Amino acid sequence: MQNWFESIDLVSGPFPIIVGGGAVVAVLVVAIVHPRALWLALSVAAGALGAGIGLALCRWAQSPDAIDTDLSPLGRTGVALAFSAIGVLIVGMVRGRAWRRVVAGLGVVLSIAAGGLAVNAEFGQYPTIGALSGQPAAPTLSGSVAAAQRAGAPLAASRSTDPATPAAWSASGAAVGTRGLVAQVSIPATTSHFAARAAYVYLPPAALVANPPALPVIVMLSGEPGAPADVVRAGHLRAIMDAWAGRDGGLAPIVVVPDQLGSPTSNPMCVDSPLGASASYLTVDVPRWIRTNLTVANDPAQWAIGGFSQGGTCAIQLGAGHPDLFSGIIDVSGQIAPRNGDTANTIAVGFGGDVSAYRAAAPMTLLTEHAPYAATTAVFGSGAQDQQYGPEVDRMRAAAAAAGMSTSRVVSPGTGHEWATVRYVLSTGIGPVLQHLGVGSRS
């Protein structure tokens, strides 16, 4: 369980206000208390220069070599103000008495923190200090049956082949709770040897009974930079899936969140390459572990794959390329093609310079090769303010529909390329995929 420090909210609440307020106070003290005309002019000039640097960094962040994502006007304003304050405070650090320099130094630290908090608030990547420090998002759950049963989650405790339809589940009369369980698990890379980090699994209330039905599966992927824990914490996985389960008496898919990256800033692009055999991990090792350790349906008609940003790209990429594994797709703010830096770098590091291999891995190519998709349902989502990825999602949805998939489009009002968009799509837009998987009939 998180202690009070790890649970401090980095997105809303008093902490960001205190940090930002402290930076403002430091700027006012340094720039206004006993000012001289020359130093005041220098402070104004330094503040303007700092704002310009901040805006330039925001523009650079849009490039494929950085985070490849545009900040909203509010986010850019927050960064510009933080750098403006740093400029003013640097002037204060080189003039005046010792107390002024101490205040200026402290103000620089607070301003840097405030800028970081502004960017974090934009994306919602780290909701708490615990998330920022890399603390696990849930306790570890052993794969052994005995340990799982003690935790209230009978992993592979009994192999049911009963269909997990709402009607059959309701008729079973099983006593079921209202909350699912999220646990950290280890999924071995036996075949791929991919250097994957810990994964997470969500078990709905229907999976926590003594004789659970064979449930549908959703494989859900984080964005990049990121980690599986982001889906749990920033994506509010348990609360959202519990809400869906509550509409069907505790019945919902099992959600498995593996690591497709290897490290926070790696991007093997869900292909097998010198960057790592990410594709084999997700299509061989992960499904094998799921079928071995969880009571799940074996039919691809009850398996889906989803993700956010880079994970959304992987979802349509693997979903389109492996209809034998997945018949449901959830692409939230994904890209039109695998991307690691610019196109030239992507082809060089991910495909050994082979342009044809790069094109073959693109979802558009895969959709053409495997069409028609008579049995695939896909949901495409993005934020209304996401002017960078929204158009790409539109193009991908159109291509998927042309290839025969049953598609739907979800637009999150008032959000951009951020986890708030993911939460909206998962909360309100995945009904078609759930119904395709055989659950969600009451949604």
Protein backbone atom coordinates (compact mmCIF):
# COMPACT_ATOMS: atom_id res chain seq x y z
CA MET A 1 0.00 0.00 0.00
CA GLN A 2 1.27 3.46 -0.83
CA ASN A 3 2.34 5.68 2.03
CA TRP A 4 1.14 9.26 2.22
CA PHE A 5 4.17 10.58 0.33
CA GLU A 6 3.84 8.17 -2.59
CA SER A 7 0.12 8.94 -2.85
CA ILE A 8 0.59 12.72 -3.30
CA ASP A 9 -1.43 13.79 -6.35
CA LEU A 10 0.76 15.33 -9.07
CA VAL A 11 -2.07 16.31 -11.41
CA SER A 12 -4.65 18.00 -9.20
CA GLY A 13 -5.03 18.94 -5.58
CA PRO A 14 -2.84 21.16 -3.42
CA PHE A 15 0.64 19.96 -4.37
CA PRO A 16 0.89 21.48 -7.88
CA ILE A 17 -0.69 24.68 -6.53
CA ILE A 18 1.85 24.89 -3.71
CA VAL A 19 4.78 24.32 -6.07
CA GLY A 20 3.55 26.82 -8.63
CA GLY A 21 2.64 29.36 -5.95
CA GLY A 22 6.08 29.03 -4.38
CA ALA A 23 7.73 29.73 -7.72
CA VAL A 24 5.57 32.83 -8.23
CA VAL A 25 6.41 34.13 -4.75
CA ALA A 26 10.12 33.61 -5.38
CA VAL A 27 9.93 35.54 -8.66
CA LEU A 28 8.08 38.42 -7.02
CA VAL A 29 10.51 38.64 -4.12
CA VAL A 30 13.58 38.52 -6.35
CA ALA A 31 12.32 40.87 -9.05
CA ILE A 32 10.33 43.43 -7.07
CA VAL A 33 11.77 43.74 -3.56
CA HIS A 34 14.20 46.69 -3.59
CA PRO A 35 14.69 46.67 -7.36
CA ARG A 36 17.06 48.86 -9.29
CA ALA A 37 16.06 50.04 -12.72
CA LEU A 38 18.90 48.22 -14.48
CA TRP A 39 18.31 44.92 -12.72
CA LEU A 40 14.57 45.20 -13.22
CA ALA A 41 15.13 45.67 -16.96
CA LEU A 42 17.49 42.68 -17.00
CA SER A 43 14.88 40.61 -15.18
CA VAL A 44 12.22 41.48 -17.74
CA ALA A 45 14.59 40.67 -20.61
CA ALA A 46 15.62 37.38 -18.99
CA GLY A 47 11.99 36.47 -18.42
CA ALA A 48 11.15 37.11 -22.05
CA LEU A 49 14.17 35.11 -23.21
CA GLY A 50 13.19 32.23 -20.91
CA ALA A 51 9.66 32.20 -22.30
CA GLY A 52 11.05 32.05 -25.83
CA ILE A 53 13.29 29.14 -24.92
CA GLY A 54 10.35 27.33 -23.34
CA LEU A 55 8.21 27.76 -26.44
CA ALA A 56 11.09 26.62 -28.65
CA LEU A 57 11.43 23.47 -26.55
CA CYS A 58 7.71 22.83 -26.92
CA ARG A 59 8.08 23.08 -30.67
CA TRP A 60 11.08 20.74 -30.61
CA ALA A 61 9.05 18.26 -28.53
CA GLN A 62 6.72 17.86 -31.52
CA SER A 63 9.52 16.36 -33.61
CA PRO A 64 9.83 12.58 -34.08
CA ASP A 65 13.20 12.76 -32.32
CA ALA A 66 11.51 13.93 -29.11
CA ILE A 67 8.10 12.97 -27.72
CA ASP A 68 6.46 13.39 -31.14
CA THR A 69 3.43 15.03 -29.54
CA ASP A 70 2.13 18.57 -29.60
CA LEU A 71 1.31 20.31 -26.34
CA SER A 72 -1.97 22.15 -26.00
CA PRO A 73 -1.97 25.96 -25.76
CA LEU A 74 -2.42 25.62 -22.01
CA GLY A 75 0.50 23.22 -21.75
CA ARG A 76 2.75 25.46 -23.83
CA THR A 77 1.77 28.41 -21.64
CA GLY A 78 2.74 26.49 -18.52
CA VAL A 79 6.15 25.62 -19.94
CA ALA A 80 6.74 29.18 -21.16
CA LEU A 81 5.88 30.63 -17.75
CA ALA A 82 8.17 28.17 -15.99
CA PHE A 83 11.12 29.08 -18.22
CA SER A 84 10.30 32.76 -17.91
CA ALA A 85 10.45 32.46 -14.12
CA ILE A 86 13.77 30.61 -14.37
CA GLY A 87 15.19 33.48 -16.45
CA VAL A 88 14.15 36.07 -13.87
CA LEU A 89 15.48 33.98 -11.01
CA ILE A 90 18.87 33.42 -12.66
CA VAL A 91 19.29 37.20 -12.76
CA GLY A 92 18.44 37.25 -9.05
CA MET A 93 21.09 34.63 -8.33
CA VAL A 94 23.89 36.87 -9.60
CA ARG A 95 22.91 40.08 -7.81
CA GLY A 96 22.13 41.40 -4.39
CA ARG A 97 22.45 39.96 -0.95
CA ALA A 98 22.81 36.35 0.05
CA TRP A 99 19.15 35.98 1.06
CA ARG A 100 18.06 37.04 -2.42
CA ARG A 101 20.32 34.45 -4.00
CA VAL A 102 18.97 31.75 -1.70
CA VAL A 103 15.39 32.66 -2.59
CA ALA A 104 16.31 32.72 -6.28
CA GLY A 105 17.94 29.30 -6.09
CA LEU A 106 14.94 27.82 -4.35
CA GLY A 107 12.69 29.51 -6.91
CA VAL A 108 14.60 27.90 -9.80
CA VAL A 109 14.01 24.46 -8.28
CA LEU A 110 10.31 25.23 -7.79
CA SER A 111 10.00 26.61 -11.32
CA ILE A 112 11.56 23.51 -12.85
CA ALA A 113 9.18 21.38 -10.81
CA ALA A 114 6.23 23.55 -11.82
CA GLY A 115 7.12 23.19 -15.50
CA GLY A 116 7.39 19.44 -15.12
CA LEU A 117 4.06 19.32 -13.34
CA ALA A 118 2.47 21.35 -16.13
CA VAL A 119 3.67 18.86 -18.74
CA ASN A 120 2.61 15.93 -16.57
CA ALA A 121 -0.85 17.46 -16.11
CA GLU A 122 -1.07 17.69 -19.90
CA PHE A 123 -0.62 13.95 -20.37
CA GLY A 124 -1.58 12.53 -16.97
CA GLN A 125 1.33 10.10 -17.19
CA TYR A 126 2.28 10.18 -13.50
CA PRO A 127 -0.77 10.74 -11.30
CA THR A 128 1.17 10.35 -8.04
CA ILE A 129 4.70 10.52 -6.67
CA GLY A 130 4.59 6.74 -6.37
CA ALA A 131 3.97 6.49 -10.10
CA LEU A 132 6.82 8.91 -10.82
CA SER A 133 9.23 6.94 -8.66
CA GLY A 134 8.37 3.67 -10.38
CA GLN A 135 6.48 2.02 -7.53
CA PRO A 136 4.40 -0.98 -8.66
CA ALA A 137 0.78 -0.19 -9.43
CA ALA A 138 -0.45 -3.34 -7.67
CA PRO A 139 0.90 -6.17 -5.49
CA THR A 140 2.62 -9.12 -7.11
CA LEU A 141 0.48 -12.21 -7.58
CA SER A 142 2.21 -15.55 -7.83
CA GLY A 143 1.22 -17.81 -10.70
CA SER A 144 0.81 -20.75 -8.34
CA VAL A 145 -2.73 -21.89 -7.70
CA ALA A 146 -2.36 -21.93 -3.92
CA ALA A 147 -1.04 -18.37 -3.71
CA ALA A 148 -3.67 -17.15 -6.13
CA GLN A 149 -6.48 -18.73 -4.15
CA ARG A 150 -5.21 -17.13 -0.96
CA ALA A 151 -5.40 -13.78 -2.78
CA GLY A 152 -8.95 -14.52 -3.85
CA ALA A 153 -8.04 -15.07 -7.49
CA PRO A 154 -8.11 -18.72 -8.58
CA LEU A 155 -5.61 -18.53 -11.43
CA ALA A 156 -6.08 -21.73 -13.40
CA ALA A 157 -7.70 -23.22 -10.32
CA SER A 158 -10.44 -24.86 -12.37
CA ARG A 159 -10.65 -25.09 -16.10
CA SER A 160 -14.17 -24.19 -17.11
CA THR A 161 -15.29 -24.44 -20.71
CA ASP A 162 -18.68 -22.87 -20.00
CA PRO A 163 -19.42 -19.93 -22.30
CA ALA A 164 -19.02 -16.58 -20.61
CA THR A 165 -22.24 -15.16 -22.01
CA PRO A 166 -24.32 -12.85 -19.80
CA ALA A 167 -27.29 -15.24 -19.98
CA ALA A 168 -25.27 -18.30 -18.98
CA TRP A 169 -23.49 -16.36 -16.27
CA SER A 170 -26.72 -15.05 -14.84
CA ALA A 171 -28.22 -18.53 -14.85
CA SER A 172 -25.23 -19.94 -12.98
CA GLY A 173 -26.29 -18.11 -9.82
CA ALA A 174 -22.66 -17.68 -8.72
CA ALA A 175 -22.07 -15.42 -5.73
CA VAL A 176 -19.92 -12.58 -7.02
CA GLY A 177 -18.48 -9.40 -5.59
CA THR A 178 -18.48 -5.94 -7.07
CA ARG A 179 -14.73 -5.34 -7.38
CA GLY A 180 -12.19 -7.00 -9.60
CA LEU A 181 -8.53 -7.51 -8.75
CA VAL A 182 -5.40 -6.02 -10.32
CA ALA A 183 -2.08 -7.74 -9.73
CA GLN A 184 1.47 -7.56 -11.01
CA VAL A 185 2.66 -10.72 -12.74
CA SER A 186 5.72 -11.95 -14.61
CA ILE A 187 5.23 -13.21 -18.16
CA PRO A 188 8.31 -15.18 -19.27
CA ALA A 189 9.78 -14.46 -22.69
CA THR A 190 10.45 -18.14 -23.34
CA THR A 191 10.35 -17.94 -27.13
CA SER A 192 11.14 -14.30 -27.85
CA HIS A 193 13.73 -13.66 -25.12
CA PHE A 194 12.39 -10.12 -25.09
CA ALA A 195 13.56 -8.09 -22.06
CA ALA A 196 10.06 -7.39 -20.79
CA ARG A 197 9.27 -5.70 -17.52
CA ALA A 198 6.56 -6.84 -15.13
CA ALA A 199 3.04 -7.08 -16.51
CA TYR A 200 -0.35 -6.52 -14.87
CA VAL A 201 -3.58 -8.47 -15.01
CA TYR A 202 -7.12 -7.34 -14.24
CA LEU A 203 -9.47 -10.09 -13.10
CA PRO A 204 -13.16 -9.12 -13.09
CA PRO A 205 -15.44 -10.26 -10.27
CA ALA A 206 -16.57 -13.23 -12.38
CA ALA A 207 -12.97 -14.50 -12.43
CA LEU A 208 -12.73 -14.48 -8.65
CA VAL A 209 -15.34 -17.15 -7.92
CA ALA A 210 -14.47 -20.75 -7.16
CA ASN A 211 -15.42 -22.03 -10.62
CA PRO A 212 -14.98 -19.11 -13.01
CA PRO A 213 -16.24 -19.26 -16.58
CA ALA A 214 -13.87 -19.09 -19.52
CA LEU A 215 -13.64 -15.34 -19.97
CA PRO A 216 -12.76 -13.14 -22.94
CA VAL A 217 -9.35 -11.46 -23.04
CA ILE A 218 -8.15 -7.96 -23.82
CA VAL A 219 -4.39 -7.41 -24.18
CA MET A 220 -3.84 -3.71 -23.41
CA LEU A 221 -0.63 -1.75 -24.09
CA SER A 222 0.78 1.50 -22.73
CA GLY A 223 2.21 4.39 -24.71
CA GLU A 224 5.88 5.33 -25.13
CA PRO A 225 7.50 6.61 -23.00
CA GLY A 226 5.69 4.47 -20.51
CA ALA A 227 5.19 1.17 -18.74
CA PRO A 228 2.40 -1.33 -18.09
CA ALA A 229 1.72 0.36 -14.75
CA ASP A 230 0.50 3.44 -16.66
CA VAL A 231 -2.54 1.54 -17.93
CA VAL A 232 -3.41 0.60 -14.35
CA ARG A 233 -2.80 3.97 -12.71
CA ALA A 234 -3.23 6.67 -15.34
CA GLY A 235 -5.76 4.59 -17.26
CA HIS A 236 -7.87 3.81 -14.16
CA LEU A 237 -8.08 0.24 -15.40
CA ARG A 238 -9.80 -1.42 -12.45
CA ALA A 239 -12.42 1.29 -11.88
CA ILE A 240 -13.36 1.38 -15.56
CA MET A 241 -13.51 -2.37 -16.03
CA ASP A 242 -15.37 -2.82 -12.74
CA ALA A 243 -17.97 -0.38 -14.08
CA TRP A 244 -18.41 -2.49 -17.21
CA ALA A 245 -18.53 -5.66 -15.10
CA GLY A 246 -21.19 -4.11 -12.88
CA ARG A 247 -23.53 -3.92 -15.87
CA ASP A 248 -23.32 -7.68 -16.39
CA GLY A 249 -23.32 -9.00 -12.84
CA GLY A 250 -19.53 -9.09 -12.56
CA LEU A 251 -18.88 -10.45 -16.04
CA ALA A 252 -16.18 -8.71 -18.08
CA PRO A 253 -13.01 -9.59 -20.00
CA ILE A 254 -9.77 -10.40 -18.25
CA VAL A 255 -7.34 -7.61 -19.17
CA VAL A 256 -3.63 -8.41 -19.45
CA VAL A 257 -1.16 -5.51 -19.69
CA PRO A 258 2.24 -6.78 -20.91
CA ASP A 259 5.34 -4.74 -21.63
CA GLN A 260 5.91 -4.13 -25.33
CA LEU A 261 8.75 -1.64 -24.82
CA GLY A 262 11.45 -3.14 -22.57
CA SER A 263 12.25 0.21 -20.94
CA PRO A 264 10.39 3.52 -20.58
CA THR A 265 11.91 5.16 -23.65
CA SER A 266 12.63 2.12 -25.84
CA ASN A 267 10.46 1.58 -28.88
CA PRO A 268 10.93 -1.77 -30.63
CA MET A 269 7.77 -0.94 -32.62
CA CYS A 270 6.08 -4.31 -32.02
CA VAL A 271 8.23 -6.06 -34.63
CA ASP A 272 11.09 -8.52 -34.26
CA SER A 273 14.32 -6.62 -34.82
CA PRO A 274 17.69 -5.86 -33.22
CA LEU A 275 15.71 -3.66 -30.82
CA GLY A 276 14.02 -6.77 -29.43
CA ALA A 277 11.55 -9.46 -30.47
CA SER A 278 8.56 -7.50 -29.24
CA ALA A 279 6.16 -9.00 -31.80
CA SER A 280 7.00 -12.58 -30.84
CA TYR A 281 6.65 -11.71 -27.17
CA LEU A 282 3.16 -10.31 -27.69
CA THR A 283 1.92 -12.94 -30.14
CA VAL A 284 3.58 -16.10 -28.75
CA ASP A 285 4.81 -15.74 -25.17
CA VAL A 286 1.99 -13.59 -23.81
CA PRO A 287 -0.89 -15.64 -25.27
CA ARG A 288 0.78 -18.85 -24.06
CA TRP A 289 1.08 -17.48 -20.53
CA ILE A 290 -2.52 -16.28 -20.55
CA ARG A 291 -3.89 -19.63 -21.66
CA THR A 292 -1.70 -21.50 -19.18
CA ASN A 293 -2.40 -19.37 -16.13
CA LEU A 294 -5.87 -17.90 -16.60
CA THR A 295 -9.30 -19.37 -17.20
CA VAL A 296 -9.94 -17.82 -20.59
CA ALA A 297 -11.68 -18.54 -23.85
CA ASN A 298 -9.45 -20.02 -26.55
CA ASP A 299 -11.49 -18.76 -29.50
CA PRO A 300 -9.93 -15.69 -31.20
CA ALA A 301 -13.49 -14.39 -31.43
CA GLN A 302 -13.14 -13.64 -27.72
CA TRP A 303 -9.69 -12.05 -27.80
CA ALA A 304 -8.93 -8.36 -28.39
CA ILE A 305 -5.85 -6.16 -28.35
CA GLY A 306 -5.75 -2.45 -27.51
CA GLY A 307 -3.40 0.34 -26.63
CA PHE A 308 -2.67 4.04 -26.37
CA SER A 309 -0.37 6.05 -28.65
CA GLN A 310 2.54 3.72 -29.53
CA GLY A 311 0.47 0.98 -27.94
CA GLY A 312 -2.44 1.94 -30.19
CA THR A 313 -0.17 1.58 -33.21
CA CYS A 314 0.80 -1.87 -31.95
CA ALA A 315 -2.86 -2.76 -31.44
CA ILE A 316 -3.90 -2.10 -35.05
CA GLN A 317 -0.59 -3.49 -36.32
CA LEU A 318 -0.89 -6.81 -34.47
CA GLY A 319 -4.66 -6.97 -34.70
CA ALA A 320 -4.54 -6.50 -38.46
CA GLY A 321 -1.59 -8.87 -38.88
CA HIS A 322 -2.90 -11.64 -36.62
CA PRO A 323 -6.63 -12.14 -37.11
CA ASP A 324 -5.96 -15.73 -35.99
CA LEU A 325 -5.20 -14.32 -32.51
CA PHE A 326 -7.33 -11.18 -32.14
CA SER A 327 -10.75 -10.29 -33.49
CA GLY A 328 -11.17 -7.11 -31.47
CA ILE A 329 -9.03 -3.96 -31.68
CA ILE A 330 -8.94 -0.80 -29.54
CA ASP A 331 -6.68 1.87 -31.08
CA VAL A 332 -6.50 5.02 -28.94
CA SER A 333 -4.45 7.80 -30.56
CA GLY A 334 -2.26 5.42 -32.52
CA GLN A 335 0.06 6.30 -35.36
CA ILE A 336 -0.40 5.50 -39.03
CA ALA A 337 2.77 3.36 -39.03
CA PRO A 338 5.51 2.19 -36.65
CA ARG A 339 7.72 5.12 -35.73
CA ASN A 340 11.06 5.43 -33.95
CA GLY A 341 12.27 8.95 -34.66
CA ASP A 342 11.87 10.03 -38.26
CA THR A 343 11.17 7.60 -41.09
CA ALA A 344 14.84 7.18 -42.00
CA ASN A 345 15.79 6.29 -38.44
CA THR A 346 12.76 3.99 -38.12
CA ILE A 347 13.84 1.99 -41.16
CA ALA A 348 17.48 1.94 -40.07
CA VAL A 349 17.09 0.80 -36.45
CA GLY A 350 13.95 -1.29 -36.74
CA PHE A 351 14.23 -2.87 -40.17
CA GLY A 352 17.96 -2.97 -40.91
CA GLY A 353 17.55 -0.36 -43.64
CA ASP A 354 15.08 -2.54 -45.53
CA VAL A 355 12.35 -0.23 -46.84
CA SER A 356 10.22 -3.15 -48.04
CA ALA A 357 10.26 -4.71 -44.55
CA TYR A 358 9.17 -1.40 -43.06
CA ARG A 359 6.29 -1.10 -45.50
CA ALA A 360 5.28 -4.70 -44.87
CA ALA A 361 4.94 -3.98 -41.14
CA ALA A 362 2.72 -0.94 -41.67
CA PRO A 363 -0.93 -1.46 -40.64
CA MET A 364 -2.13 -0.18 -44.01
CA THR A 365 -0.20 -2.97 -45.76
CA LEU A 366 -1.36 -5.60 -43.29
CA LEU A 367 -4.98 -4.55 -43.71
CA THR A 368 -4.71 -4.99 -47.47
CA GLU A 369 -2.99 -8.36 -47.21
CA HIS A 370 -5.43 -9.90 -44.73
CA ALA A 371 -8.68 -8.39 -46.00
CA PRO A 372 -11.53 -9.03 -45.79
CA TYR A 373 -11.98 -8.98 -42.02
CA ALA A 374 -15.47 -10.35 -41.76
CA ALA A 375 -15.11 -11.18 -38.05
CA THR A 376 -13.14 -8.23 -36.63
CA THR A 377 -14.54 -5.30 -34.65
CA ALA A 378 -12.36 -2.23 -34.07
CA VAL A 379 -12.79 0.93 -32.01
CA PHE A 380 -10.70 3.98 -32.92
CA GLY A 381 -10.43 6.81 -30.39
CA SER A 382 -8.64 10.12 -29.94
CA GLY A 383 -8.99 13.44 -28.16
CA ALA A 384 -10.89 16.29 -29.80
CA GLN A 385 -7.87 18.57 -29.29
CA ASP A 386 -5.33 16.08 -30.66
CA GLN A 387 -4.58 17.70 -33.99
CA GLN A 388 -1.54 15.51 -34.55
CA TYR A 389 -2.83 11.97 -34.02
CA GLY A 390 -6.56 12.53 -34.53
CA PRO A 391 -6.23 12.75 -38.34
CA GLU A 392 -4.05 9.61 -38.35
CA VAL A 393 -6.72 7.76 -36.38
CA ASP A 394 -9.32 8.89 -38.93
CA ARG A 395 -7.22 7.52 -41.79
CA MET A 396 -6.65 4.23 -39.99
CA ARG A 397 -10.32 3.82 -39.19
CA ALA A 398 -11.21 4.42 -42.86
CA ALA A 399 -8.66 1.84 -43.99
CA ALA A 400 -9.92 -0.71 -41.46
CA ALA A 401 -13.51 -0.18 -42.60
CA ALA A 402 -12.47 -0.54 -46.23
CA ALA A 403 -10.79 -3.84 -45.30
CA GLY A 404 -14.08 -5.15 -43.96
CA MET A 405 -13.76 -4.52 -40.23
CA SER A 406 -16.76 -3.34 -38.26
CA THR A 407 -15.49 0.00 -36.96
CA SER A 408 -16.58 2.81 -34.68
CA ARG A 409 -15.01 6.19 -33.94
CA VAL A 410 -14.84 7.74 -30.46
CA VAL A 411 -13.76 11.35 -29.86
CA SER A 412 -13.05 12.45 -26.30
CA PRO A 413 -14.34 16.01 -25.80
CA GLY A 414 -11.91 18.60 -24.51
CA THR A 415 -8.85 16.31 -24.35
CA GLY A 416 -5.68 15.84 -26.37
CA HIS A 417 -2.99 13.19 -26.56
CA GLU A 418 -3.35 12.20 -22.92
CA TRP A 419 -4.56 9.56 -20.52
CA ALA A 420 -7.84 11.40 -20.01
CA THR A 421 -8.61 10.43 -23.60
CA VAL A 422 -7.84 6.80 -22.85
CA ARG A 423 -10.14 6.84 -19.84
CA TYR A 424 -12.95 8.36 -21.88
CA VAL A 425 -12.61 5.82 -24.69
CA LEU A 426 -12.41 2.85 -22.33
CA SER A 427 -15.32 4.14 -20.24
CA THR A 428 -17.72 5.07 -23.03
CA GLY A 429 -16.54 3.72 -26.36
CA ILE A 430 -15.51 0.07 -26.16
CA GLY A 431 -19.04 -1.34 -26.00
CA PRO A 432 -18.86 -2.65 -29.61
CA VAL A 433 -15.69 -4.61 -28.82
CA LEU A 434 -17.11 -5.98 -25.56
CA GLN A 435 -20.27 -7.08 -27.33
CA HIS A 436 -18.16 -8.68 -30.05
CA LEU A 437 -16.31 -10.61 -27.33
CA GLY A 438 -19.62 -11.89 -26.02
CA VAL A 439 -20.08 -9.66 -22.99
CA GLY A 440 -21.33 -6.11 -22.46
CA SER A 441 -24.82 -7.01 -23.67
CA ARG A 442 -26.40 -4.67 -21.13
CA SER A 443 -24.19 -1.68 -22.02
